[in-house]
Amino acid sequence: MKKGLFVLLALVITTATIAQSEKYIKAMEALVPAVDTTRNPEGLTELANSFERIANAEKTQWLPYYYAALCYINKANMLYATQQLDQIDPLMDKAEPLLMKAEELEKNNSEVHCLKKMFNTGKMMADPMNRYMTYGQPAAEALETAKSLNPENPRVYLLEGIDKYYTPEQWGGSKTEGKKLFEAAMKKYEAFKPASSIHPSWGIGQVKYFLTLE
């Protein structure tokens, strides 16, 4: 009798876990594509909030934390492009604990280290002249770690290309070398297979854009 109750209880728990997992995946699948297509700051704020709600409900899943942080960092990049520099640090303050939580849950992950690179670059760009020594090296180290963990990750080459393309030549930049990295990124994207429907796959649109530049 006890054995039968134990089996029934295990079956109920397993069924509930599967249902919860399916609900989580469907919620994420509805949001993840928008990470690559949302092109306005307000939309990124809404998207970050949606991922945070999922993260609060699914506290053991690293991806909602990752995407929420990514949305805030992408928003900071947009604000940098319009020189709204005073708004970058508040966004980084929101992104940092989310990034830390993603790394706590998913250690030694190339995607997380790409995001660490983006975070440190974002912090630096809020005040480049005064912050390069503080954030420049951690950004470079995070990208190197991302590459060592997964040399086939196309986002590594996208981020390398952006750095090379926009860095002045006197500081080691080169638009020509940047384009070569974008070409390498495109080859990586063509071969890349995400681990699941909700794992990171963003960035190919950016690569295509950069490949159109002179």
Protein backbone atom coordinates (compact mmCIF):
# COMPACT_ATOMS: atom_id res chain seq x y z
CA MET A 1 0.00 0.00 0.00
CA LYS A 2 2.78 2.41 0.98
CA LYS A 3 4.68 1.55 -2.16
CA GLY A 4 1.62 2.30 -4.28
CA LEU A 5 1.13 5.68 -2.61
CA PHE A 6 4.78 6.52 -3.12
CA VAL A 7 4.57 5.69 -6.84
CA LEU A 8 1.36 7.73 -7.19
CA LEU A 9 2.93 10.70 -5.41
CA ALA A 10 6.04 10.51 -7.61
CA LEU A 11 3.83 10.41 -10.70
CA VAL A 12 1.88 13.49 -9.57
CA ILE A 13 5.10 15.42 -8.87
CA THR A 14 6.61 14.43 -12.21
CA THR A 15 3.46 15.43 -14.10
CA ALA A 16 3.34 18.80 -12.33
CA THR A 17 7.03 19.41 -13.05
CA ILE A 18 6.57 18.64 -16.75
CA ALA A 19 3.55 20.96 -16.93
CA GLN A 20 5.50 23.74 -15.22
CA SER A 21 8.44 23.20 -17.56
CA GLU A 22 6.20 23.36 -20.63
CA LYS A 23 4.60 26.57 -19.33
CA TYR A 24 8.05 28.09 -18.79
CA ILE A 25 9.27 27.14 -22.26
CA LYS A 26 6.15 28.51 -23.95
CA ALA A 27 6.45 31.79 -22.03
CA MET A 28 10.09 32.11 -23.06
CA GLU A 29 9.42 31.14 -26.69
CA ALA A 30 6.95 34.02 -26.92
CA LEU A 31 9.60 36.52 -25.83
CA VAL A 32 13.01 35.33 -27.05
CA PRO A 33 12.57 36.28 -30.75
CA ALA A 34 11.82 39.87 -29.71
CA VAL A 35 15.34 40.20 -28.26
CA ASP A 36 16.66 40.32 -31.82
CA THR A 37 13.94 42.53 -33.27
CA THR A 38 13.10 45.16 -30.63
CA ARG A 39 14.59 48.44 -31.80
CA ASN A 40 13.32 51.03 -29.32
CA PRO A 41 14.22 51.71 -25.67
CA GLU A 42 10.66 51.48 -24.38
CA GLY A 43 10.15 48.09 -25.99
CA LEU A 44 13.36 46.80 -24.42
CA THR A 45 12.21 47.96 -20.99
CA GLU A 46 8.94 46.07 -21.40
CA LEU A 47 10.80 43.01 -22.63
CA ALA A 48 13.24 43.13 -19.70
CA ASN A 49 10.33 43.37 -17.27
CA SER A 50 8.69 40.33 -18.87
CA PHE A 51 11.86 38.27 -18.55
CA GLU A 52 12.26 39.39 -14.94
CA ARG A 53 8.75 38.19 -14.13
CA ILE A 54 9.64 34.78 -15.53
CA ALA A 55 12.93 34.79 -13.62
CA ASN A 56 11.07 35.52 -10.38
CA ALA A 57 8.76 32.58 -11.04
CA GLU A 58 11.49 30.20 -12.27
CA LYS A 59 14.32 30.97 -9.88
CA THR A 60 16.54 28.06 -10.99
CA GLN A 61 16.56 28.96 -14.69
CA TRP A 62 19.46 31.11 -15.90
CA LEU A 63 18.04 32.18 -19.25
CA PRO A 64 15.38 34.66 -18.01
CA TYR A 65 18.03 36.47 -15.96
CA TYR A 66 20.37 36.46 -18.95
CA TYR A 67 17.79 37.91 -21.33
CA ALA A 68 16.58 40.54 -18.87
CA ALA A 69 20.17 41.75 -18.42
CA LEU A 70 20.71 41.67 -22.19
CA CYS A 71 17.67 43.88 -22.75
CA TYR A 72 18.94 46.51 -20.32
CA ILE A 73 22.40 46.43 -21.91
CA ASN A 74 20.92 46.73 -25.41
CA LYS A 75 18.88 49.69 -24.23
CA ALA A 76 22.05 51.29 -22.85
CA ASN A 77 23.70 50.83 -26.25
CA MET A 78 20.81 52.65 -27.90
CA LEU A 79 21.11 55.51 -25.44
CA TYR A 80 24.84 55.69 -26.03
CA ALA A 81 24.18 56.07 -29.77
CA THR A 82 22.09 59.17 -29.01
CA GLN A 83 24.60 60.36 -26.38
CA GLN A 84 22.20 60.04 -23.45
CA LEU A 85 25.17 59.02 -21.32
CA ASP A 86 23.64 59.95 -17.97
CA GLN A 87 21.03 57.20 -18.41
CA ILE A 88 23.50 54.37 -18.96
CA ASP A 89 24.63 53.73 -15.38
CA PRO A 90 21.06 53.29 -14.03
CA LEU A 91 20.51 50.62 -16.69
CA MET A 92 23.78 48.91 -15.83
CA ASP A 93 22.71 48.93 -12.18
CA LYS A 94 19.62 46.97 -13.22
CA ALA A 95 21.55 44.61 -15.48
CA GLU A 96 24.34 43.74 -13.03
CA PRO A 97 22.41 41.67 -10.45
CA LEU A 98 20.60 39.83 -13.23
CA LEU A 99 23.90 39.02 -14.92
CA MET A 100 25.38 37.87 -11.61
CA LYS A 101 22.40 35.59 -11.03
CA ALA A 102 22.67 34.11 -14.52
CA GLU A 103 26.34 33.34 -13.92
CA GLU A 104 25.60 31.88 -10.49
CA LEU A 105 23.12 29.46 -12.08
CA GLU A 106 25.14 28.71 -15.22
CA LYS A 107 28.87 28.79 -14.61
CA ASN A 108 31.49 28.60 -17.38
CA ASN A 109 29.05 29.49 -20.13
CA SER A 110 30.24 31.27 -23.27
CA GLU A 111 26.99 33.23 -23.66
CA VAL A 112 27.15 34.55 -20.11
CA HIS A 113 30.73 35.70 -20.65
CA CYS A 114 29.71 37.46 -23.87
CA LEU A 115 27.15 39.30 -21.79
CA LYS A 116 29.81 40.16 -19.18
CA LYS A 117 31.86 41.63 -22.00
CA MET A 118 28.90 43.73 -23.12
CA PHE A 119 28.21 44.84 -19.55
CA ASN A 120 31.77 46.04 -18.96
CA THR A 121 31.81 47.81 -22.31
CA GLY A 122 28.55 49.51 -21.42
CA LYS A 123 29.93 50.71 -18.09
CA MET A 124 33.02 52.02 -19.87
CA MET A 125 31.10 53.87 -22.57
CA ALA A 126 29.17 55.90 -20.02
CA ASP A 127 32.46 57.76 -19.47
CA PRO A 128 35.13 56.33 -21.80
CA MET A 129 38.02 58.63 -20.94
CA ASN A 130 37.79 58.01 -17.21
CA ARG A 131 36.63 54.39 -17.18
CA TYR A 132 38.75 52.63 -19.76
CA MET A 133 41.32 51.49 -17.20
CA THR A 134 38.57 50.13 -14.95
CA TYR A 135 36.36 48.32 -17.46
CA GLY A 136 38.41 47.87 -20.63
CA GLN A 137 40.48 44.94 -19.41
CA PRO A 138 37.58 43.03 -17.78
CA ALA A 139 35.63 43.42 -21.03
CA ALA A 140 38.50 41.97 -23.07
CA GLU A 141 39.03 39.14 -20.58
CA ALA A 142 35.34 38.22 -20.60
CA LEU A 143 35.37 37.98 -24.38
CA GLU A 144 38.50 35.83 -24.37
CA THR A 145 36.87 33.53 -21.83
CA ALA A 146 33.73 33.33 -23.96
CA LYS A 147 35.83 32.27 -26.94
CA SER A 148 37.80 29.69 -24.96
CA LEU A 149 34.58 28.14 -23.63
CA ASN A 150 33.02 27.91 -27.10
CA PRO A 151 35.10 28.90 -30.14
CA GLU A 152 32.04 28.23 -32.33
CA ASN A 153 29.90 30.88 -30.61
CA PRO A 154 29.14 33.44 -33.35
CA ARG A 155 28.42 36.22 -30.86
CA VAL A 156 32.09 36.17 -29.83
CA TYR A 157 33.13 37.17 -33.36
CA LEU A 158 30.32 39.72 -33.66
CA LEU A 159 31.51 41.46 -30.49
CA GLU A 160 35.15 41.25 -31.58
CA GLY A 161 34.21 42.76 -34.93
CA ILE A 162 32.31 45.65 -33.34
CA ASP A 163 35.30 46.46 -31.13
CA LYS A 164 37.74 46.32 -34.04
CA TYR A 165 35.48 48.29 -36.38
CA TYR A 166 34.81 51.19 -34.03
CA THR A 167 38.17 51.46 -32.29
CA PRO A 168 40.33 54.23 -33.81
CA GLU A 169 43.29 52.95 -35.82
CA GLN A 170 45.81 54.62 -33.52
CA TRP A 171 44.44 52.43 -30.72
CA GLY A 172 44.52 49.20 -32.71
CA GLY A 173 41.23 49.43 -34.55
CA SER A 174 40.66 48.61 -38.20
CA LYS A 175 37.49 48.68 -40.26
CA THR A 176 39.07 46.14 -42.63
CA GLU A 177 39.87 43.73 -39.81
CA GLY A 178 36.43 44.38 -38.33
CA LYS A 179 34.78 43.32 -41.59
CA LYS A 180 36.84 40.12 -41.60
CA LEU A 181 35.54 39.33 -38.13
CA PHE A 182 31.97 39.98 -39.25
CA GLU A 183 32.54 37.57 -42.14
CA ALA A 184 33.84 35.00 -39.67
CA ALA A 185 30.79 35.62 -37.48
CA MET A 186 28.47 35.01 -40.42
CA LYS A 187 30.09 31.64 -41.10
CA LYS A 188 29.68 30.74 -37.43
CA TYR A 189 26.00 31.78 -37.51
CA GLU A 190 25.38 29.63 -40.57
CA ALA A 191 26.73 26.58 -38.72
CA PHE A 192 25.41 27.43 -35.24
CA LYS A 193 22.67 25.34 -33.64
CA PRO A 194 21.21 26.71 -30.38
CA ALA A 195 20.86 24.19 -27.56
CA SER A 196 17.09 24.73 -27.58
CA SER A 197 14.38 27.03 -28.91
CA ILE A 198 15.01 29.46 -26.06
CA HIS A 199 18.81 29.48 -25.95
CA PRO A 200 20.65 32.51 -27.37
CA SER A 201 20.66 32.83 -31.15
CA TRP A 202 20.58 36.62 -31.49
CA GLY A 203 22.97 38.74 -33.52
CA ILE A 204 22.81 37.61 -37.15
CA GLY A 205 20.87 40.74 -38.11
CA GLN A 206 23.66 42.89 -36.72
CA VAL A 207 26.25 40.93 -38.67
CA LYS A 208 24.30 41.40 -41.90
CA TYR A 209 24.09 45.13 -41.21
CA PHE A 210 27.80 45.51 -40.59
CA LEU A 211 28.61 43.56 -43.74
CA THR A 212 26.77 46.21 -45.77
CA LEU A 213 29.00 48.99 -44.47
CA GLU A 214 32.00 50.28 -46.39
